Amino acid sequence: MSKGIIFDLDGTLWDSSEQVVNGWNNALARRSETQKQITSEEMQGYMGKTLEAIAELMLPEIEPVLRMEIMQECCAEEEIYLRQNGGGKLFPDLEKTLDKLSRRYKLFIVSNCQDGYIQTFFYCNRQLEKYFTDFECPGRTGKGKGENIGIVMERNGIEKAVYVGDTQGDCDASDFAGVPFIHAAYGFGKINREVPTVQSFAEIEDAAAKILG
């Protein structure tokens, strides 16, 4: 049986909130329609949500088409900033744990982001790309996280999988895809029900083994 672990990105593999804030604020400062500048705490609250949901939260006073245009500029600027200034902070023991996991399972990333953001993660952390078989995001498929989990599983012949994420949206996406969920409680969000939970990235090895065998 082919088994896989599918990871969320922000709040699960790394914390890029400080760097992304700088990129977004650069883009926002160029727009005359808003005086908005965001903080790292606000950014952490946005992470895991779709770009449409973030735009509505961040710029509620601006009409939907225009605020999505601004969001696209923010996303483009964040990738430039991350590539020029270094990526986010990787969580402790990440590479060591990925190495162990990759020997037993296929590893994937499914994140609510634009096309190019996961590639930027790999650009900033070239040593990690070898551990992952595939990735997907709504920026490429136009589909939600739950659907993208299913796409990755089908595309790679995965019969049994677990999704690891840090937010309620991640848990909901797992339910949609019909796969078990592991809550990365060291990340940015809380979950509204009892689920398998880890307090550090290293704990994922044992948590996944209990579910996948």
N, C-alpha and C. Protein backbone atom coordinates (compact mmCIF):
# COMPACT_ATOMS: atom_id res chain seq x y z
N MET A 1 0.85 -1.20 0.00
CA MET A 1 0.00 0.00 0.00
C MET A 1 0.88 1.25 0.00
N SER A 2 0.58 2.17 -0.90
CA SER A 2 1.35 3.41 -0.98
C SER A 2 0.80 4.43 0.03
N LYS A 3 1.69 4.91 0.90
CA LYS A 3 1.28 5.80 1.99
C LYS A 3 1.97 7.15 1.86
N GLY A 4 1.26 8.19 2.27
CA GLY A 4 1.82 9.53 2.15
C GLY A 4 1.47 10.43 3.32
N ILE A 5 2.33 11.41 3.54
CA ILE A 5 2.07 12.49 4.49
C ILE A 5 2.02 13.78 3.70
N ILE A 6 0.91 14.50 3.83
CA ILE A 6 0.72 15.75 3.11
C ILE A 6 0.78 16.89 4.12
N PHE A 7 1.62 17.86 3.86
CA PHE A 7 1.86 18.96 4.79
C PHE A 7 1.27 20.27 4.30
N ASP A 8 0.68 21.01 5.21
CA ASP A 8 0.47 22.43 5.03
C ASP A 8 1.86 23.07 5.03
N LEU A 9 1.94 24.35 4.65
CA LEU A 9 3.26 25.00 4.60
C LEU A 9 3.45 26.00 5.74
N ASP A 10 2.73 27.12 5.71
CA ASP A 10 2.90 28.16 6.74
C ASP A 10 2.36 27.69 8.08
N GLY A 11 3.19 27.80 9.10
CA GLY A 11 2.79 27.36 10.43
C GLY A 11 2.97 25.88 10.66
N THR A 12 3.39 25.16 9.62
CA THR A 12 3.61 23.71 9.73
C THR A 12 5.04 23.35 9.38
N LEU A 13 5.54 23.85 8.25
CA LEU A 13 6.93 23.62 7.86
C LEU A 13 7.82 24.82 8.19
N TRP A 14 7.29 26.02 8.02
CA TRP A 14 8.08 27.22 8.34
C TRP A 14 7.18 28.35 8.78
N ASP A 15 7.79 29.39 9.33
CA ASP A 15 7.10 30.64 9.70
C ASP A 15 7.76 31.76 8.91
N SER A 16 7.08 32.20 7.86
CA SER A 16 7.61 33.27 7.01
C SER A 16 6.88 34.59 7.26
N SER A 17 6.14 34.67 8.35
CA SER A 17 5.25 35.82 8.57
C SER A 17 6.00 37.15 8.59
N GLU A 18 7.15 37.22 9.23
CA GLU A 18 7.87 38.49 9.30
C GLU A 18 8.35 38.94 7.93
N GLN A 19 8.86 38.00 7.13
CA GLN A 19 9.33 38.36 5.80
C GLN A 19 8.17 38.71 4.87
N VAL A 20 7.09 37.96 4.96
CA VAL A 20 5.93 38.21 4.10
C VAL A 20 5.32 39.57 4.43
N VAL A 21 5.28 39.92 5.71
CA VAL A 21 4.76 41.23 6.13
C VAL A 21 5.53 42.35 5.43
N ASN A 22 6.84 42.24 5.39
CA ASN A 22 7.64 43.27 4.74
C ASN A 22 7.30 43.38 3.26
N GLY A 23 7.16 42.25 2.60
CA GLY A 23 6.81 42.27 1.20
C GLY A 23 5.43 42.86 0.95
N TRP A 24 4.46 42.45 1.75
CA TRP A 24 3.10 42.96 1.58
C TRP A 24 3.03 44.46 1.88
N ASN A 25 3.71 44.90 2.91
CA ASN A 25 3.68 46.32 3.24
C ASN A 25 4.34 47.16 2.15
N ASN A 26 5.36 46.61 1.50
CA ASN A 26 5.96 47.30 0.36
C ASN A 26 4.92 47.50 -0.75
N ALA A 27 4.16 46.43 -1.02
CA ALA A 27 3.14 46.51 -2.07
C ALA A 27 2.01 47.43 -1.66
N LEU A 28 1.56 47.35 -0.41
CA LEU A 28 0.45 48.19 0.05
C LEU A 28 0.82 49.67 0.02
N ALA A 29 2.09 49.97 0.32
CA ALA A 29 2.53 51.37 0.35
C ALA A 29 2.46 52.02 -1.02
N ARG A 30 2.46 51.21 -2.07
CA ARG A 30 2.39 51.75 -3.43
C ARG A 30 0.96 52.03 -3.88
N ARG A 31 -0.02 51.58 -3.10
CA ARG A 31 -1.41 51.71 -3.52
C ARG A 31 -2.07 52.91 -2.86
N SER A 32 -2.64 53.77 -3.66
CA SER A 32 -3.30 54.98 -3.14
C SER A 32 -4.66 54.68 -2.54
N GLU A 33 -5.22 53.48 -2.83
CA GLU A 33 -6.57 53.16 -2.36
C GLU A 33 -6.63 52.84 -0.87
N THR A 34 -5.48 52.59 -0.26
CA THR A 34 -5.48 52.19 1.15
C THR A 34 -4.25 52.72 1.87
N GLN A 35 -4.39 52.95 3.15
CA GLN A 35 -3.26 53.31 4.01
C GLN A 35 -2.84 52.12 4.87
N LYS A 36 -3.38 50.95 4.56
CA LYS A 36 -3.19 49.76 5.37
C LYS A 36 -1.73 49.31 5.41
N GLN A 37 -1.25 49.03 6.61
CA GLN A 37 0.01 48.33 6.83
C GLN A 37 -0.29 47.24 7.86
N ILE A 38 0.31 46.07 7.70
CA ILE A 38 -0.04 44.95 8.56
C ILE A 38 1.13 44.57 9.46
N THR A 39 0.80 43.85 10.54
CA THR A 39 1.79 43.39 11.50
C THR A 39 2.02 41.88 11.33
N SER A 40 3.06 41.37 11.96
CA SER A 40 3.33 39.93 11.92
C SER A 40 2.19 39.14 12.56
N GLU A 41 1.60 39.71 13.62
CA GLU A 41 0.50 39.03 14.29
C GLU A 41 -0.71 38.92 13.37
N GLU A 42 -1.00 39.99 12.64
CA GLU A 42 -2.09 39.93 11.67
C GLU A 42 -1.80 38.89 10.60
N MET A 43 -0.58 38.87 10.11
CA MET A 43 -0.21 37.93 9.07
C MET A 43 -0.39 36.49 9.53
N GLN A 44 -0.01 36.19 10.76
CA GLN A 44 -0.18 34.84 11.28
C GLN A 44 -1.65 34.45 11.32
N GLY A 45 -2.53 35.42 11.55
CA GLY A 45 -3.96 35.16 11.53
C GLY A 45 -4.50 34.92 10.13
N TYR A 46 -3.83 35.46 9.13
CA TYR A 46 -4.25 35.28 7.74
C TYR A 46 -3.79 33.94 7.18
N MET A 47 -2.66 33.45 7.65
CA MET A 47 -2.05 32.27 7.04
C MET A 47 -2.95 31.05 7.19
N GLY A 48 -3.05 30.30 6.10
CA GLY A 48 -3.93 29.14 6.05
C GLY A 48 -5.25 29.44 5.38
N LYS A 49 -5.58 30.71 5.23
CA LYS A 49 -6.83 31.10 4.57
C LYS A 49 -6.59 31.30 3.07
N THR A 50 -7.68 31.26 2.31
CA THR A 50 -7.56 31.53 0.88
C THR A 50 -7.26 33.01 0.68
N LEU A 51 -6.73 33.34 -0.50
CA LEU A 51 -6.42 34.75 -0.79
C LEU A 51 -7.68 35.60 -0.78
N GLU A 52 -8.81 35.04 -1.22
CA GLU A 52 -10.07 35.77 -1.21
C GLU A 52 -10.48 36.10 0.22
N ALA A 53 -10.35 35.13 1.12
CA ALA A 53 -10.71 35.36 2.52
C ALA A 53 -9.78 36.39 3.17
N ILE A 54 -8.49 36.31 2.87
CA ILE A 54 -7.53 37.28 3.42
C ILE A 54 -7.85 38.68 2.92
N ALA A 55 -8.14 38.80 1.64
CA ALA A 55 -8.44 40.11 1.05
C ALA A 55 -9.65 40.74 1.72
N GLU A 56 -10.67 39.94 1.99
CA GLU A 56 -11.88 40.46 2.63
C GLU A 56 -11.60 40.91 4.06
N LEU A 57 -10.77 40.16 4.77
CA LEU A 57 -10.41 40.52 6.14
C LEU A 57 -9.53 41.76 6.18
N MET A 58 -8.59 41.83 5.27
CA MET A 58 -7.57 42.87 5.31
C MET A 58 -8.04 44.19 4.72
N LEU A 59 -8.86 44.11 3.68
CA LEU A 59 -9.28 45.31 2.95
C LEU A 59 -10.80 45.32 2.76
N PRO A 60 -11.57 45.27 3.82
CA PRO A 60 -13.04 45.17 3.68
C PRO A 60 -13.67 46.39 3.03
N GLU A 61 -12.99 47.54 3.10
CA GLU A 61 -13.56 48.77 2.56
C GLU A 61 -13.38 48.90 1.05
N ILE A 62 -12.61 48.01 0.45
CA ILE A 62 -12.31 48.09 -0.98
C ILE A 62 -13.13 47.04 -1.73
N GLU A 63 -13.64 47.42 -2.89
CA GLU A 63 -14.51 46.51 -3.64
C GLU A 63 -13.72 45.26 -4.06
N PRO A 64 -14.42 44.11 -4.18
CA PRO A 64 -13.75 42.81 -4.31
C PRO A 64 -12.74 42.71 -5.46
N VAL A 65 -13.07 43.19 -6.64
CA VAL A 65 -12.15 43.04 -7.77
C VAL A 65 -10.85 43.79 -7.51
N LEU A 66 -10.96 45.01 -6.97
CA LEU A 66 -9.77 45.81 -6.72
C LEU A 66 -8.92 45.24 -5.60
N ARG A 67 -9.57 44.74 -4.55
CA ARG A 67 -8.76 44.19 -3.45
C ARG A 67 -8.04 42.91 -3.87
N MET A 68 -8.62 42.14 -4.80
CA MET A 68 -7.90 40.97 -5.30
C MET A 68 -6.72 41.38 -6.17
N GLU A 69 -6.86 42.49 -6.86
CA GLU A 69 -5.73 43.02 -7.63
C GLU A 69 -4.60 43.40 -6.68
N ILE A 70 -4.95 44.03 -5.57
CA ILE A 70 -3.94 44.39 -4.57
C ILE A 70 -3.31 43.14 -3.97
N MET A 71 -4.13 42.11 -3.72
CA MET A 71 -3.60 40.86 -3.17
C MET A 71 -2.59 40.23 -4.12
N GLN A 72 -2.86 40.28 -5.41
CA GLN A 72 -1.93 39.71 -6.37
C GLN A 72 -0.58 40.44 -6.33
N GLU A 73 -0.63 41.76 -6.14
CA GLU A 73 0.61 42.52 -6.01
C GLU A 73 1.35 42.15 -4.73
N CYS A 74 0.60 41.96 -3.65
CA CYS A 74 1.22 41.55 -2.38
C CYS A 74 1.91 40.20 -2.53
N CYS A 75 1.24 39.27 -3.20
CA CYS A 75 1.81 37.93 -3.37
C CYS A 75 3.08 37.97 -4.23
N ALA A 76 3.04 38.76 -5.29
CA ALA A 76 4.23 38.88 -6.13
C ALA A 76 5.39 39.49 -5.35
N GLU A 77 5.08 40.50 -4.54
CA GLU A 77 6.12 41.18 -3.76
C GLU A 77 6.70 40.28 -2.69
N GLU A 78 5.84 39.42 -2.08
CA GLU A 78 6.35 38.54 -1.02
C GLU A 78 7.36 37.55 -1.58
N GLU A 79 7.12 37.04 -2.77
CA GLU A 79 8.05 36.09 -3.36
C GLU A 79 9.39 36.77 -3.66
N ILE A 80 9.33 37.98 -4.18
CA ILE A 80 10.56 38.74 -4.45
C ILE A 80 11.33 38.97 -3.15
N TYR A 81 10.62 39.40 -2.11
CA TYR A 81 11.27 39.70 -0.83
C TYR A 81 11.90 38.44 -0.23
N LEU A 82 11.16 37.32 -0.25
CA LEU A 82 11.68 36.09 0.32
C LEU A 82 12.93 35.62 -0.43
N ARG A 83 12.91 35.69 -1.75
CA ARG A 83 14.05 35.23 -2.54
C ARG A 83 15.27 36.13 -2.37
N GLN A 84 15.04 37.43 -2.15
CA GLN A 84 16.15 38.37 -2.02
C GLN A 84 16.70 38.45 -0.60
N ASN A 85 15.85 38.18 0.39
CA ASN A 85 16.23 38.40 1.79
C ASN A 85 16.27 37.13 2.63
N GLY A 86 16.05 36.01 2.03
CA GLY A 86 16.06 34.76 2.79
C GLY A 86 14.66 34.37 3.20
N GLY A 87 14.45 33.08 3.33
CA GLY A 87 13.13 32.56 3.63
C GLY A 87 12.74 32.69 5.08
N GLY A 88 11.64 32.05 5.41
CA GLY A 88 11.14 32.08 6.78
C GLY A 88 11.96 31.17 7.70
N LYS A 89 11.52 31.10 8.93
CA LYS A 89 12.19 30.27 9.93
C LYS A 89 11.65 28.85 9.85
N LEU A 90 12.53 27.90 9.61
CA LEU A 90 12.13 26.50 9.64
C LEU A 90 11.93 26.07 11.09
N PHE A 91 10.94 25.23 11.31
CA PHE A 91 10.71 24.76 12.68
C PHE A 91 11.80 23.78 13.09
N PRO A 92 12.13 23.70 14.38
CA PRO A 92 13.23 22.86 14.86
C PRO A 92 13.08 21.40 14.42
N ASP A 93 14.20 20.79 14.11
CA ASP A 93 14.30 19.37 13.74
C ASP A 93 13.57 19.04 12.44
N LEU A 94 13.30 20.05 11.61
CA LEU A 94 12.50 19.81 10.42
C LEU A 94 13.21 18.89 9.42
N GLU A 95 14.43 19.23 9.03
CA GLU A 95 15.08 18.40 8.01
C GLU A 95 15.37 16.99 8.52
N LYS A 96 15.81 16.89 9.75
CA LYS A 96 16.10 15.57 10.31
C LYS A 96 14.84 14.69 10.31
N THR A 97 13.71 15.29 10.65
CA THR A 97 12.46 14.54 10.70
C THR A 97 11.96 14.21 9.30
N LEU A 98 12.08 15.16 8.36
CA LEU A 98 11.69 14.88 6.98
C LEU A 98 12.50 13.73 6.41
N ASP A 99 13.78 13.69 6.72
CA ASP A 99 14.64 12.61 6.23
C ASP A 99 14.13 11.26 6.72
N LYS A 100 13.78 11.19 7.99
CA LYS A 100 13.26 9.94 8.55
C LYS A 100 11.92 9.57 7.91
N LEU A 101 11.04 10.54 7.79
CA LEU A 101 9.71 10.28 7.24
C LEU A 101 9.79 9.84 5.78
N SER A 102 10.69 10.44 5.02
CA SER A 102 10.77 10.15 3.59
C SER A 102 11.23 8.73 3.31
N ARG A 103 11.81 8.08 4.30
CA ARG A 103 12.24 6.70 4.13
C ARG A 103 11.08 5.71 4.26
N ARG A 104 9.95 6.19 4.82
CA ARG A 104 8.80 5.32 5.03
C ARG A 104 7.59 5.73 4.21
N TYR A 105 7.50 7.03 3.90
CA TYR A 105 6.31 7.54 3.22
C TYR A 105 6.72 8.50 2.10
N LYS A 106 5.81 8.71 1.16
CA LYS A 106 5.97 9.81 0.21
C LYS A 106 5.46 11.08 0.88
N LEU A 107 6.17 12.18 0.64
CA LEU A 107 5.85 13.44 1.30
C LEU A 107 5.40 14.47 0.26
N PHE A 108 4.41 15.29 0.67
CA PHE A 108 3.82 16.26 -0.23
C PHE A 108 3.52 17.56 0.51
N ILE A 109 3.28 18.63 -0.25
CA ILE A 109 2.82 19.90 0.31
C ILE A 109 1.55 20.30 -0.41
N VAL A 110 0.51 20.65 0.34
CA VAL A 110 -0.70 21.26 -0.20
C VAL A 110 -1.00 22.48 0.65
N SER A 111 -0.97 23.66 0.03
CA SER A 111 -1.11 24.91 0.76
C SER A 111 -2.09 25.83 0.04
N ASN A 112 -2.79 26.67 0.80
CA ASN A 112 -3.67 27.69 0.21
C ASN A 112 -2.83 28.90 -0.19
N CYS A 113 -2.23 28.85 -1.35
CA CYS A 113 -1.34 29.94 -1.77
C CYS A 113 -1.38 30.09 -3.28
N GLN A 114 -0.72 31.14 -3.74
CA GLN A 114 -0.60 31.37 -5.17
C GLN A 114 0.45 30.46 -5.76
N ASP A 115 0.34 30.23 -7.07
CA ASP A 115 1.38 29.49 -7.77
C ASP A 115 2.68 30.29 -7.68
N GLY A 116 3.73 29.66 -7.21
CA GLY A 116 5.02 30.32 -7.05
C GLY A 116 5.48 30.37 -5.61
N TYR A 117 4.55 30.29 -4.65
CA TYR A 117 4.93 30.41 -3.25
C TYR A 117 5.63 29.14 -2.75
N ILE A 118 5.09 27.98 -3.09
CA ILE A 118 5.75 26.74 -2.68
C ILE A 118 7.10 26.61 -3.38
N GLN A 119 7.16 27.04 -4.64
CA GLN A 119 8.44 27.05 -5.36
C GLN A 119 9.44 27.98 -4.67
N THR A 120 8.94 29.10 -4.12
CA THR A 120 9.82 30.01 -3.39
C THR A 120 10.33 29.37 -2.10
N PHE A 121 9.47 28.60 -1.44
CA PHE A 121 9.90 27.84 -0.26
C PHE A 121 11.06 26.92 -0.61
N PHE A 122 10.95 26.22 -1.75
CA PHE A 122 12.04 25.34 -2.17
C PHE A 122 13.27 26.13 -2.59
N TYR A 123 13.08 27.28 -3.22
CA TYR A 123 14.21 28.13 -3.62
C TYR A 123 15.00 28.56 -2.38
N CYS A 124 14.30 28.92 -1.33
CA CYS A 124 14.95 29.39 -0.10
C CYS A 124 15.52 28.25 0.73
N ASN A 125 15.04 27.03 0.47
CA ASN A 125 15.46 25.86 1.26
C ASN A 125 15.73 24.70 0.31
N ARG A 126 16.75 24.88 -0.53
CA ARG A 126 17.03 23.91 -1.59
C ARG A 126 17.31 22.52 -1.04
N GLN A 127 17.81 22.47 0.19
CA GLN A 127 18.15 21.17 0.77
C GLN A 127 16.92 20.34 1.11
N LEU A 128 15.74 20.94 1.11
CA LEU A 128 14.53 20.22 1.49
C LEU A 128 13.75 19.65 0.32
N GLU A 129 13.97 20.19 -0.87
CA GLU A 129 13.14 19.80 -2.02
C GLU A 129 13.22 18.31 -2.30
N LYS A 130 14.36 17.70 -2.06
CA LYS A 130 14.54 16.28 -2.37
C LYS A 130 13.63 15.37 -1.55
N TYR A 131 13.10 15.86 -0.45
CA TYR A 131 12.25 15.02 0.40
C TYR A 131 10.80 14.96 -0.10
N PHE A 132 10.41 15.85 -1.00
CA PHE A 132 9.01 15.95 -1.40
C PHE A 132 8.80 15.43 -2.81
N THR A 133 7.74 14.66 -2.97
CA THR A 133 7.42 14.06 -4.25
C THR A 133 6.61 14.99 -5.14
N ASP A 134 5.72 15.79 -4.55
CA ASP A 134 4.80 16.61 -5.33
C ASP A 134 4.22 17.68 -4.43
N PHE A 135 3.55 18.67 -5.05
CA PHE A 135 2.87 19.71 -4.28
C PHE A 135 1.71 20.24 -5.11
N GLU A 136 0.79 20.92 -4.41
CA GLU A 136 -0.33 21.54 -5.13
C GLU A 136 -0.86 22.73 -4.35
N CYS A 137 -1.56 23.63 -5.06
CA CYS A 137 -2.12 24.84 -4.45
C CYS A 137 -3.25 25.36 -5.33
N PRO A 138 -4.14 26.18 -4.78
CA PRO A 138 -5.25 26.73 -5.57
C PRO A 138 -4.78 27.65 -6.68
N GLY A 139 -3.58 28.24 -6.53
CA GLY A 139 -3.05 29.09 -7.58
C GLY A 139 -2.80 28.35 -8.88
N ARG A 140 -2.66 27.03 -8.80
CA ARG A 140 -2.45 26.22 -10.01
C ARG A 140 -3.73 25.53 -10.45
N THR A 141 -4.55 25.10 -9.50
CA THR A 141 -5.73 24.30 -9.86
C THR A 141 -7.03 25.08 -9.83
N GLY A 142 -7.06 26.19 -9.08
CA GLY A 142 -8.30 26.91 -8.88
C GLY A 142 -9.24 26.20 -7.93
N LYS A 143 -8.75 25.20 -7.23
CA LYS A 143 -9.57 24.40 -6.32
C LYS A 143 -9.14 24.60 -4.88
N GLY A 144 -10.00 24.22 -3.93
CA GLY A 144 -9.72 24.37 -2.52
C GLY A 144 -8.74 23.33 -2.00
N LYS A 145 -8.32 23.52 -0.77
CA LYS A 145 -7.30 22.66 -0.18
C LYS A 145 -7.75 21.20 -0.10
N GLY A 146 -9.00 20.97 0.27
CA GLY A 146 -9.49 19.60 0.35
C GLY A 146 -9.45 18.90 -0.99
N GLU A 147 -9.86 19.60 -2.04
CA GLU A 147 -9.80 19.03 -3.38
C GLU A 147 -8.36 18.79 -3.81
N ASN A 148 -7.48 19.70 -3.46
CA ASN A 148 -6.07 19.55 -3.84
C ASN A 148 -5.40 18.39 -3.13
N ILE A 149 -5.81 18.11 -1.90
CA ILE A 149 -5.31 16.91 -1.22
C ILE A 149 -5.66 15.67 -2.04
N GLY A 150 -6.91 15.61 -2.50
CA GLY A 150 -7.35 14.49 -3.31
C GLY A 150 -6.62 14.40 -4.63
N ILE A 151 -6.36 15.56 -5.25
CA ILE A 151 -5.63 15.59 -6.52
C ILE A 151 -4.23 15.01 -6.35
N VAL A 152 -3.54 15.43 -5.30
CA VAL A 152 -2.17 14.95 -5.05
C VAL A 152 -2.18 13.44 -4.79
N MET A 153 -3.14 12.96 -4.03
CA MET A 153 -3.21 11.53 -3.74
C MET A 153 -3.46 10.73 -5.00
N GLU A 154 -4.41 11.17 -5.81
CA GLU A 154 -4.73 10.44 -7.04
C GLU A 154 -3.57 10.48 -8.03
N ARG A 155 -2.96 11.64 -8.17
CA ARG A 155 -1.87 11.81 -9.14
C ARG A 155 -0.67 10.94 -8.79
N ASN A 156 -0.47 10.66 -7.51
CA ASN A 156 0.71 9.92 -7.08
C ASN A 156 0.40 8.51 -6.58
N GLY A 157 -0.83 8.07 -6.78
CA GLY A 157 -1.19 6.71 -6.42
C GLY A 157 -1.14 6.43 -4.93
N ILE A 158 -1.48 7.43 -4.13
CA ILE A 158 -1.46 7.27 -2.67
C ILE A 158 -2.78 6.68 -2.20
N GLU A 159 -2.71 5.55 -1.54
CA GLU A 159 -3.90 4.86 -1.06
C GLU A 159 -4.28 5.25 0.37
N LYS A 160 -3.29 5.63 1.15
CA LYS A 160 -3.54 5.98 2.55
C LYS A 160 -2.67 7.18 2.90
N ALA A 161 -3.29 8.22 3.47
CA ALA A 161 -2.54 9.45 3.74
C ALA A 161 -3.03 10.11 5.02
N VAL A 162 -2.22 11.03 5.51
CA VAL A 162 -2.59 11.88 6.62
C VAL A 162 -2.19 13.30 6.25
N TYR A 163 -3.01 14.27 6.68
CA TYR A 163 -2.68 15.67 6.41
C TYR A 163 -2.24 16.32 7.71
N VAL A 164 -1.15 17.08 7.66
CA VAL A 164 -0.60 17.76 8.84
C VAL A 164 -0.73 19.26 8.62
N GLY A 165 -1.43 19.94 9.53
CA GLY A 165 -1.60 21.38 9.42
C GLY A 165 -1.86 22.00 10.77
N ASP A 166 -1.93 23.33 10.80
CA ASP A 166 -2.00 24.02 12.09
C ASP A 166 -3.29 24.80 12.31
N THR A 167 -4.20 24.83 11.34
CA THR A 167 -5.40 25.67 11.48
C THR A 167 -6.68 24.85 11.34
N GLN A 168 -7.79 25.48 11.73
CA GLN A 168 -9.08 24.84 11.57
C GLN A 168 -9.38 24.57 10.10
N GLY A 169 -8.97 25.49 9.23
CA GLY A 169 -9.15 25.27 7.80
C GLY A 169 -8.44 24.03 7.30
N ASP A 170 -7.27 23.74 7.87
CA ASP A 170 -6.55 22.53 7.51
C ASP A 170 -7.32 21.28 7.94
N CYS A 171 -7.88 21.35 9.13
CA CYS A 171 -8.67 20.23 9.65
C CYS A 171 -9.91 20.02 8.78
N ASP A 172 -10.58 21.10 8.40
CA ASP A 172 -11.76 21.02 7.55
C ASP A 172 -11.41 20.44 6.18
N ALA A 173 -10.25 20.83 5.65
CA ALA A 173 -9.81 20.30 4.36
C ALA A 173 -9.56 18.80 4.44
N SER A 174 -9.00 18.35 5.55
CA SER A 174 -8.80 16.91 5.75
C SER A 174 -10.12 16.17 5.76
N ASP A 175 -11.10 16.74 6.46
CA ASP A 175 -12.43 16.13 6.48
C ASP A 175 -13.00 16.03 5.07
N PHE A 176 -12.86 17.11 4.30
CA PHE A 176 -13.37 17.13 2.93
C PHE A 176 -12.72 16.03 2.09
N ALA A 177 -11.40 15.87 2.27
CA ALA A 177 -10.66 14.88 1.48
C ALA A 177 -10.83 13.46 2.01
N GLY A 178 -11.37 13.33 3.23
CA GLY A 178 -11.56 12.02 3.81
C GLY A 178 -10.28 11.37 4.30
N VAL A 179 -9.35 12.21 4.79
CA VAL A 179 -8.10 11.67 5.33
C VAL A 179 -7.95 12.11 6.79
N PRO A 180 -7.23 11.35 7.60
CA PRO A 180 -6.98 11.75 8.99
C PRO A 180 -6.17 13.04 9.05
N PHE A 181 -6.27 13.71 10.20
CA PHE A 181 -5.59 15.00 10.38
C PHE A 181 -4.72 14.96 11.62
N ILE A 182 -3.55 15.56 11.53
CA ILE A 182 -2.66 15.78 12.68
C ILE A 182 -2.52 17.28 12.86
N HIS A 183 -2.83 17.76 14.06
CA HIS A 183 -2.75 19.20 14.35
C HIS A 183 -1.34 19.58 14.77
N ALA A 184 -0.71 20.46 14.02
CA ALA A 184 0.59 21.01 14.39
C ALA A 184 0.35 22.17 15.37
N ALA A 185 0.24 21.84 16.64
CA ALA A 185 -0.15 22.82 17.65
C ALA A 185 0.92 23.87 17.90
N TYR A 186 2.13 23.67 17.39
CA TYR A 186 3.18 24.67 17.51
C TYR A 186 3.00 25.81 16.50
N GLY A 187 2.02 25.68 15.62
CA GLY A 187 1.79 26.67 14.57
C GLY A 187 0.90 27.81 15.00
N PHE A 188 0.01 28.26 14.10
CA PHE A 188 -0.71 29.51 14.30
C PHE A 188 -2.16 29.35 14.75
N GLY A 189 -2.72 28.15 14.70
CA GLY A 189 -4.16 28.04 14.92
C GLY A 189 -4.57 27.00 15.94
N LYS A 190 -5.87 27.01 16.26
CA LYS A 190 -6.48 26.05 17.17
C LYS A 190 -7.53 25.26 16.41
N ILE A 191 -7.90 24.10 16.95
CA ILE A 191 -8.86 23.20 16.33
C ILE A 191 -10.07 23.04 17.24
N ASN A 192 -11.25 22.92 16.66
CA ASN A 192 -12.48 22.93 17.46
C ASN A 192 -12.91 21.57 17.97
N ARG A 193 -12.06 20.56 17.78
CA ARG A 193 -12.38 19.23 18.31
C ARG A 193 -11.09 18.49 18.63
N GLU A 194 -11.21 17.38 19.31
CA GLU A 194 -10.03 16.61 19.69
C GLU A 194 -9.52 15.82 18.48
N VAL A 195 -8.26 16.02 18.16
CA VAL A 195 -7.60 15.31 17.05
C VAL A 195 -6.19 14.96 17.50
N PRO A 196 -5.52 14.04 16.81
CA PRO A 196 -4.11 13.80 17.13
C PRO A 196 -3.32 15.10 17.00
N THR A 197 -2.50 15.37 18.01
CA THR A 197 -1.83 16.67 18.10
C THR A 197 -0.35 16.49 18.40
N VAL A 198 0.47 17.34 17.78
CA VAL A 198 1.91 17.34 18.08
C VAL A 198 2.30 18.74 18.52
N GLN A 199 3.25 18.79 19.45
CA GLN A 199 3.74 20.06 19.97
C GLN A 199 5.06 20.48 19.32
N SER A 200 5.62 19.62 18.49
CA SER A 200 6.85 19.93 17.78
C SER A 200 6.88 19.13 16.49
N PHE A 201 7.68 19.57 15.53
CA PHE A 201 7.74 18.87 14.26
C PHE A 201 8.27 17.45 14.43
N ALA A 202 9.20 17.26 15.33
CA ALA A 202 9.79 15.93 15.52
C ALA A 202 8.75 14.90 15.95
N GLU A 203 7.71 15.33 16.63
CA GLU A 203 6.68 14.40 17.11
C GLU A 203 5.82 13.82 15.98
N ILE A 204 5.91 14.43 14.80
CA ILE A 204 5.10 13.95 13.67
C ILE A 204 5.46 12.51 13.30
N GLU A 205 6.71 12.13 13.49
CA GLU A 205 7.14 10.77 13.14
C GLU A 205 6.29 9.73 13.87
N ASP A 206 6.14 9.87 15.16
CA ASP A 206 5.36 8.89 15.94
C ASP A 206 3.87 9.04 15.67
N ALA A 207 3.40 10.28 15.54
CA ALA A 207 1.98 10.49 15.29
C ALA A 207 1.54 9.89 13.97
N ALA A 208 2.36 10.05 12.94
CA ALA A 208 2.03 9.50 11.63
C ALA A 208 2.08 7.97 11.65
N ALA A 209 3.04 7.41 12.36
CA ALA A 209 3.17 5.95 12.43
C ALA A 209 1.93 5.33 13.07
N LYS A 210 1.34 5.99 14.05
CA LYS A 210 0.14 5.46 14.70
C LYS A 210 -1.05 5.42 13.73
N ILE A 211 -1.06 6.34 12.78
CA ILE A 211 -2.17 6.41 11.83
C ILE A 211 -1.90 5.58 10.57
N LEU A 212 -0.69 5.68 10.05
CA LEU A 212 -0.37 5.03 8.78
C LEU A 212 0.27 3.67 8.92
N GLY A 213 0.86 3.43 10.10
CA GLY A 213 1.55 2.17 10.30
C GLY A 213 2.98 2.19 9.76
